C-alpha atoms as a PDB file:
ATOM      1  CA  MET A   1       6.330  -0.311  27.273  1.00  0.00           C
ATOM      2  CA  LYS A   2       3.664  -2.433  27.826  1.00  0.00           C
ATOM      3  CA  LYS A   3       3.006  -3.890  31.186  1.00  0.00           C
ATOM      4  CA  GLU A   4       1.983  -7.300  29.395  1.00  0.00           C
ATOM      5  CA  ASP A   5       5.694  -7.362  27.989  1.00  0.00           C
ATOM      6  CA  MET A   6       7.333  -7.660  31.641  1.00  0.00           C
ATOM      7  CA  HIS A   7       7.215 -11.469  33.146  1.00  0.00           C
ATOM      8  CA  ASP A   8       6.085 -11.782  36.701  1.00  0.00           C
ATOM      9  CA  GLY A   9       7.683  -8.588  37.506  1.00  0.00           C
ATOM     10  CA  ILE A  10      10.934  -9.229  36.447  1.00  0.00           C
ATOM     11  CA  LYS A  11      12.298  -6.765  33.922  1.00  0.00           C
ATOM     12  CA  GLY A  12      12.597  -7.369  30.095  1.00  0.00           C
ATOM     13  CA  GLU A  13      14.308  -6.060  27.067  1.00  0.00           C
ATOM     14  CA  LYS A  14      12.719  -4.687  23.947  1.00  0.00           C
ATOM     15  CA  THR A  15      14.322  -4.591  20.487  1.00  0.00           C
ATOM     16  CA  TYR A  16      13.753  -1.947  18.070  1.00  0.00           C
ATOM     17  CA  CYS A  17      15.099  -0.976  14.626  1.00  0.00           C
ATOM     18  CA  VAL A  18      16.509   2.651  14.178  1.00  0.00           C
ATOM     19  CA  PHE A  19      16.590   4.376  10.739  1.00  0.00           C
ATOM     20  CA  GLY A  20      16.853   7.726   9.832  1.00  0.00           C
ATOM     21  CA  VAL A  21      14.989  10.373   7.694  1.00  0.00           C
ATOM     22  CA  GLY A  22      16.848  13.760   7.581  1.00  0.00           C
ATOM     23  CA  GLU A  23      18.496  14.529  10.759  1.00  0.00           C
ATOM     24  CA  ARG A  24      15.660  12.671  12.619  1.00  0.00           C
ATOM     25  CA  GLU A  25      15.855   9.069  13.725  1.00  0.00           C
ATOM     26  CA  PHE A  26      12.916   6.764  14.119  1.00  0.00           C
ATOM     27  CA  LEU A  27      12.320   3.520  16.164  1.00  0.00           C
ATOM     28  CA  LEU A  28       9.764   0.528  15.338  1.00  0.00           C
ATOM     29  CA  PRO A  29       9.686  -2.468  17.106  1.00  0.00           C
ATOM     30  CA  ALA A  30      12.039  -5.014  15.528  1.00  0.00           C
ATOM     31  CA  GLU A  31       9.388  -7.590  15.406  1.00  0.00           C
ATOM     32  CA  ASP A  32       7.094  -5.101  13.059  1.00  0.00           C
ATOM     33  CA  VAL A  33       9.980  -5.110  10.472  1.00  0.00           C
ATOM     34  CA  ARG A  34       9.779  -7.988   8.087  1.00  0.00           C
ATOM     35  CA  GLU A  35      12.754  -6.931   6.025  1.00  0.00           C
ATOM     36  CA  VAL A  36      15.212  -4.304   4.902  1.00  0.00           C
ATOM     37  CA  VAL A  37      15.688  -3.755   0.866  1.00  0.00           C
ATOM     38  CA  ASP A  38      17.914  -1.282  -1.058  1.00  0.00           C
ATOM     39  CA  ILE A  39      15.943   0.345  -3.573  1.00  0.00           C
ATOM     40  CA  ALA A  40      17.103   0.816  -6.941  1.00  0.00           C
ATOM     41  CA  ARG A  41      13.832   2.769  -8.408  1.00  0.00           C
ATOM     42  CA  ILE A  42      10.584   3.404  -6.891  1.00  0.00           C
ATOM     43  CA  PHE A  43       7.875   4.189  -9.207  1.00  0.00           C
ATOM     44  CA  PRO A  44       5.605   7.326  -8.859  1.00  0.00           C
ATOM     45  CA  ILE A  45       1.635   6.634  -8.122  1.00  0.00           C
ATOM     46  CA  PRO A  46      -0.425   9.358  -9.587  1.00  0.00           C
ATOM     47  CA  GLY A  47      -3.046  10.750  -7.163  1.00  0.00           C
ATOM     48  CA  ALA A  48      -1.438   8.978  -4.111  1.00  0.00           C
ATOM     49  CA  PRO A  49      -1.260  11.016  -0.852  1.00  0.00           C
ATOM     50  CA  ASP A  50       2.015  13.447  -0.866  1.00  0.00           C
ATOM     51  CA  TYR A  51       3.339  11.165   2.142  1.00  0.00           C
ATOM     52  CA  VAL A  52       3.528   8.232  -0.325  1.00  0.00           C
ATOM     53  CA  TYR A  53       6.947   8.569  -2.178  1.00  0.00           C
ATOM     54  CA  GLY A  54       6.087   5.901  -4.564  1.00  0.00           C
ATOM     55  CA  ALA A  55       5.698   2.359  -4.893  1.00  0.00           C
ATOM     56  CA  LEU A  56       8.343  -0.643  -5.041  1.00  0.00           C
ATOM     57  CA  PRO A  57       7.481  -4.167  -6.974  1.00  0.00           C
ATOM     58  CA  LEU A  58       8.808  -6.818  -4.474  1.00  0.00           C
ATOM     59  CA  ARG A  59       8.549 -10.502  -4.921  1.00  0.00           C
ATOM     60  CA  GLY A  60       4.826  -9.930  -6.735  1.00  0.00           C
ATOM     61  CA  LYS A  61       3.935  -7.468  -4.448  1.00  0.00           C
ATOM     62  CA  ILE A  62       3.559  -3.875  -4.452  1.00  0.00           C
ATOM     63  CA  ILE A  63       4.765  -1.878  -1.604  1.00  0.00           C
ATOM     64  CA  PRO A  64       4.011   1.854  -1.008  1.00  0.00           C
ATOM     65  CA  ALA A  65       6.729   3.902   0.259  1.00  0.00           C
ATOM     66  CA  VAL A  66       6.291   6.301   2.815  1.00  0.00           C
ATOM     67  CA  ASP A  67       8.292   9.309   3.102  1.00  0.00           C
ATOM     68  CA  LEU A  68       8.171  10.540   7.058  1.00  0.00           C
ATOM     69  CA  SER A  69       9.583  13.832   6.064  1.00  0.00           C
ATOM     70  CA  LYS A  70       6.052  14.650   4.507  1.00  0.00           C
ATOM     71  CA  ILE A  71       4.314  13.659   7.976  1.00  0.00           C
ATOM     72  CA  TYR A  72       6.712  15.154  10.373  1.00  0.00           C
ATOM     73  CA  PRO A  73       8.698  18.205  10.414  1.00  0.00           C
ATOM     74  CA  ILE A  74      11.841  17.331   8.876  1.00  0.00           C
ATOM     75  CA  GLU A  75      13.861  18.807   6.304  1.00  0.00           C
ATOM     76  CA  LYS A  76      13.648  17.529   2.839  1.00  0.00           C
ATOM     77  CA  PRO A  77      15.755  14.211   2.888  1.00  0.00           C
ATOM     78  CA  SER A  78      18.194  13.479  -0.302  1.00  0.00           C
ATOM     79  CA  TYR A  79      17.425   9.499  -0.022  1.00  0.00           C
ATOM     80  CA  ALA A  80      20.892   9.248  -2.222  1.00  0.00           C
ATOM     81  CA  SER A  81      21.205   5.731  -0.998  1.00  0.00           C
ATOM     82  CA  PRO A  82      17.723   4.696   0.363  1.00  0.00           C
ATOM     83  CA  LYS A  83      16.541   1.557   2.083  1.00  0.00           C
ATOM     84  CA  LEU A  84      13.319   0.565   2.441  1.00  0.00           C
ATOM     85  CA  LEU A  85      11.804  -1.058   5.670  1.00  0.00           C
ATOM     86  CA  ILE A  86       8.804  -3.424   4.886  1.00  0.00           C
ATOM     87  CA  ILE A  87       6.390  -3.606   7.615  1.00  0.00           C
ATOM     88  CA  ASP A  88       3.657  -6.056   7.623  1.00  0.00           C
ATOM     89  CA  VAL A  89       0.369  -5.010   9.448  1.00  0.00           C
ATOM     90  CA  GLU A  90      -2.887  -6.435   9.010  1.00  0.00           C
ATOM     91  CA  ASN A  91      -1.920  -8.535   6.521  1.00  0.00           C
ATOM     92  CA  GLU A  92      -0.860  -5.765   4.172  1.00  0.00           C
ATOM     93  CA  ASN A  93       2.587  -4.540   3.656  1.00  0.00           C
ATOM     94  CA  ILE A  94       3.978  -0.818   3.660  1.00  0.00           C
ATOM     95  CA  GLY A  95       7.541   0.337   3.542  1.00  0.00           C
ATOM     96  CA  PHE A  96       9.074   3.378   5.141  1.00  0.00           C
ATOM     97  CA  LEU A  97      12.243   5.295   3.607  1.00  0.00           C
ATOM     98  CA  SER A  98      15.375   5.367   5.504  1.00  0.00           C
ATOM     99  CA  GLU A  99      18.304   7.314   4.212  1.00  0.00           C
ATOM    100  CA  THR A 100      20.359   5.486   6.492  1.00  0.00           C
ATOM    101  CA  SER A 101      20.903   1.742   6.950  1.00  0.00           C
ATOM    102  CA  PRO A 102      18.649   0.587   9.551  1.00  0.00           C
ATOM    103  CA  PHE A 103      20.215  -1.173  12.917  1.00  0.00           C
ATOM    104  CA  PHE A 104      18.711  -2.880  15.827  1.00  0.00           C
ATOM    105  CA  VAL A 105      18.932  -1.860  19.441  1.00  0.00           C
ATOM    106  CA  THR A 106      17.898  -3.359  22.850  1.00  0.00           C
ATOM    107  CA  PHE A 107      16.420  -1.413  25.916  1.00  0.00           C
ATOM    108  CA  ASP A 108      15.459  -2.272  29.089  1.00  0.00           C
ATOM    109  CA  ASP A 109      11.517  -2.425  29.072  1.00  0.00           C
ATOM    110  CA  ASP A 110      11.132   0.437  31.081  1.00  0.00           C
ATOM    111  CA  ILE A 111      13.154   2.844  28.991  1.00  0.00           C
ATOM    112  CA  VAL A 112      10.975   5.458  27.276  1.00  0.00           C
ATOM    113  CA  VAL A 113      11.763   5.508  23.557  1.00  0.00           C
ATOM    114  CA  ASP A 114      11.202   9.133  21.824  1.00  0.00           C
ATOM    115  CA  ASP A 115      10.394   8.693  18.237  1.00  0.00           C
ATOM    116  CA  LEU A 116       8.814   5.483  18.419  1.00  0.00           C
ATOM    117  CA  ILE A 117       6.335   4.804  15.550  1.00  0.00           C
ATOM    118  CA  ASP A 118       3.184   2.617  16.931  1.00  0.00           C
ATOM    119  CA  ILE A 119       2.762   0.899  13.309  1.00  0.00           C
ATOM    120  CA  LYS A 120      -0.942   0.054  14.080  1.00  0.00           C
ATOM    121  CA  SER A 121      -2.110   3.568  14.938  1.00  0.00           C
ATOM    122  CA  PHE A 122      -0.088   4.916  12.141  1.00  0.00           C
ATOM    123  CA  PHE A 123      -1.506   2.468   9.588  1.00  0.00           C
ATOM    124  CA  ASP A 124      -4.994   3.495  10.954  1.00  0.00           C
ATOM    125  CA  THR A 125      -4.145   7.091  10.155  1.00  0.00           C
ATOM    126  CA  TYR A 126      -2.571   6.964   6.999  1.00  0.00           C
ATOM    127  CA  ARG A 127      -3.862   4.074   5.316  1.00  0.00           C
ATOM    128  CA  ILE A 128      -3.774   4.074   1.626  1.00  0.00           C
ATOM    129  CA  LYS A 129      -7.139   3.930   0.513  1.00  0.00           C
ATOM    130  CA  THR A 130      -6.277   5.548  -2.828  1.00  0.00           C
ATOM    131  CA  MET A 131      -4.070   2.506  -3.855  1.00  0.00           C
ATOM    132  CA  GLY A 132      -6.353  -0.044  -2.822  1.00  0.00           C
ATOM    133  CA  TYR A 133      -4.159  -1.150  -0.002  1.00  0.00           C
ATOM    134  CA  GLY A 134      -6.321  -0.383   2.733  1.00  0.00           C
ATOM    135  CA  LYS A 135      -9.898  -1.191   3.542  1.00  0.00           C
ATOM    136  CA  ASN A 136     -12.377   1.237   2.392  1.00  0.00           C
END
C-alpha cells in the first residue's frame, strides 16, 4: 500500500492479478500485467540462471519465463497447462509461469497483501544479464 495511492484521505482500492505456483499464490499489481498467454512450448536457454525456465517467442520478442519455485520455497510445480504472465518493466518484458489461470481481485488500499511481488525490486534483483535482457 502506498499513501500516494489514496486521494485526500478517501479510502481507495487496488486491483491485483493472482496466480499460482505449486500450492502457493502470488499477487502482482494489475497495472504491471501486460497480458496472460497460454504456453505451447518454452525453449530452454543454456547457461541461464536456474530460475529461468526457458524463453517464449511472442510477437517478435523473446520473453524469459521465470519459475518462482526456484526462488521461493515451493514444491516443484508440474506446469501441465501453464500460463505466462507478461510483465513490462523498464521497457523490458519478463514472464512469470503460473500453473493456474490467473484472476483479478480488488482490495481496499489499507489491506496488507501477502505474497505480493514488487516487480521493480524483483527485476533489479533477478535481472537476466546472461541473456542480454538486463542492463550490464
